[in-house]
Amino acid sequence: DSDDVDAPAYDHLVVGSHGRTGVSRMLLGSVAEKVVRESPIPVTVVR
């Protein structure tokens, strides 16, 4: 079925975070933050 091609394979995502703060986070960015903002499914970030 072509409708299944775009359907997410998972219904929830758990990602780890190094817990960077301040200047290092601003300089390096945050992969976890980007995933949370752009994911079509719920995301839990674990520190």
N, C-alpha and C. Protein backbone atom coordinates (compact mmCIF):
# COMPACT_ATOMS: atom_id res chain seq x y z
N ASP A 1 0.85 -1.18 0.00
CA ASP A 1 0.00 0.00 0.00
C ASP A 1 0.89 1.24 0.00
N SER A 2 0.67 2.18 -0.91
CA SER A 2 1.52 3.36 -1.03
C SER A 2 1.39 4.29 0.17
N ASP A 3 0.29 4.22 0.92
CA ASP A 3 0.13 5.07 2.10
C ASP A 3 1.13 4.70 3.20
N ASP A 4 1.57 3.47 3.23
CA ASP A 4 2.50 3.02 4.27
C ASP A 4 3.93 3.50 4.04
N VAL A 5 4.26 3.94 2.85
CA VAL A 5 5.62 4.35 2.54
C VAL A 5 6.05 5.54 3.39
N ASP A 6 5.15 6.51 3.59
CA ASP A 6 5.49 7.71 4.35
C ASP A 6 5.20 7.60 5.84
N ALA A 7 4.59 6.51 6.26
CA ALA A 7 4.26 6.34 7.67
C ALA A 7 5.52 6.06 8.49
N PRO A 8 5.65 6.73 9.67
CA PRO A 8 6.82 6.44 10.51
C PRO A 8 6.83 4.98 10.96
N ALA A 9 8.03 4.42 11.07
CA ALA A 9 8.16 3.02 11.49
C ALA A 9 8.03 2.89 13.01
N TYR A 10 8.12 4.02 13.72
CA TYR A 10 8.07 4.01 15.19
C TYR A 10 7.01 4.99 15.66
N ASP A 11 6.50 4.77 16.88
CA ASP A 11 5.49 5.69 17.40
C ASP A 11 6.02 6.57 18.53
N HIS A 12 7.28 6.35 18.94
CA HIS A 12 7.91 7.17 19.98
C HIS A 12 9.42 7.01 19.85
N LEU A 13 10.15 8.09 20.11
CA LEU A 13 11.60 8.07 19.99
C LEU A 13 12.23 8.53 21.30
N VAL A 14 13.27 7.84 21.76
CA VAL A 14 14.01 8.23 22.95
C VAL A 14 15.44 8.53 22.52
N VAL A 15 15.93 9.74 22.85
CA VAL A 15 17.30 10.14 22.49
C VAL A 15 18.04 10.58 23.73
N GLY A 16 19.36 10.43 23.71
CA GLY A 16 20.20 10.86 24.82
C GLY A 16 20.75 12.25 24.57
N SER A 17 21.03 12.98 25.65
CA SER A 17 21.61 14.31 25.56
C SER A 17 22.78 14.40 26.53
N HIS A 18 23.84 15.07 26.09
CA HIS A 18 25.00 15.26 26.95
C HIS A 18 24.77 16.34 27.99
N GLY A 19 23.72 17.12 27.85
CA GLY A 19 23.41 18.15 28.82
C GLY A 19 24.31 19.37 28.72
N ARG A 20 24.80 19.67 27.53
CA ARG A 20 25.63 20.86 27.36
C ARG A 20 24.80 22.10 27.65
N THR A 21 25.45 23.10 28.21
CA THR A 21 24.75 24.35 28.51
C THR A 21 25.61 25.52 28.06
N GLY A 22 25.01 26.68 28.07
CA GLY A 22 25.73 27.92 27.81
C GLY A 22 26.43 27.99 26.47
N VAL A 23 27.68 28.48 26.50
CA VAL A 23 28.43 28.75 25.28
C VAL A 23 28.67 27.50 24.46
N SER A 24 29.01 26.37 25.09
CA SER A 24 29.29 25.16 24.31
C SER A 24 28.07 24.71 23.52
N ARG A 25 26.88 24.87 24.10
CA ARG A 25 25.67 24.49 23.38
C ARG A 25 25.43 25.42 22.20
N MET A 26 25.68 26.71 22.40
CA MET A 26 25.48 27.67 21.32
C MET A 26 26.45 27.41 20.18
N LEU A 27 27.68 27.07 20.50
CA LEU A 27 28.69 26.84 19.47
C LEU A 27 28.50 25.51 18.77
N LEU A 28 28.18 24.47 19.53
CA LEU A 28 28.11 23.13 18.97
C LEU A 28 26.72 22.75 18.47
N GLY A 29 25.71 23.44 18.94
CA GLY A 29 24.34 23.08 18.57
C GLY A 29 23.89 21.86 19.35
N SER A 30 22.69 21.43 19.10
CA SER A 30 22.17 20.29 19.83
C SER A 30 21.38 19.39 18.89
N VAL A 31 21.92 18.21 18.63
CA VAL A 31 21.23 17.25 17.77
C VAL A 31 19.90 16.85 18.40
N ALA A 32 19.91 16.61 19.71
CA ALA A 32 18.67 16.22 20.40
C ALA A 32 17.60 17.30 20.24
N GLU A 33 18.00 18.55 20.37
CA GLU A 33 17.03 19.64 20.24
C GLU A 33 16.44 19.69 18.83
N LYS A 34 17.27 19.49 17.83
CA LYS A 34 16.78 19.48 16.45
C LYS A 34 15.82 18.32 16.21
N VAL A 35 16.14 17.16 16.75
CA VAL A 35 15.26 16.00 16.61
C VAL A 35 13.90 16.30 17.24
N VAL A 36 13.91 16.88 18.45
CA VAL A 36 12.67 17.20 19.14
C VAL A 36 11.83 18.16 18.31
N ARG A 37 12.47 19.16 17.75
CA ARG A 37 11.73 20.18 16.98
C ARG A 37 11.17 19.64 15.66
N GLU A 38 11.89 18.72 15.02
CA GLU A 38 11.51 18.30 13.67
C GLU A 38 10.83 16.94 13.58
N SER A 39 10.80 16.19 14.66
CA SER A 39 10.23 14.85 14.62
C SER A 39 8.71 14.88 14.48
N PRO A 40 8.16 14.05 13.61
CA PRO A 40 6.71 13.96 13.48
C PRO A 40 6.07 13.09 14.57
N ILE A 41 6.90 12.45 15.40
CA ILE A 41 6.40 11.58 16.47
C ILE A 41 6.91 12.11 17.81
N PRO A 42 6.31 11.71 18.92
CA PRO A 42 6.77 12.16 20.24
C PRO A 42 8.22 11.73 20.50
N VAL A 43 8.96 12.62 21.18
CA VAL A 43 10.37 12.37 21.49
C VAL A 43 10.59 12.60 22.98
N THR A 44 11.31 11.68 23.63
CA THR A 44 11.73 11.84 25.02
C THR A 44 13.24 11.99 25.02
N VAL A 45 13.74 13.06 25.69
CA VAL A 45 15.18 13.29 25.78
C VAL A 45 15.63 12.87 27.17
N VAL A 46 16.64 11.99 27.23
CA VAL A 46 17.16 11.48 28.49
C VAL A 46 18.56 12.05 28.70
N ARG A 47 18.80 12.59 29.89
CA ARG A 47 20.13 13.13 30.20
C ARG A 47 20.93 12.12 30.97
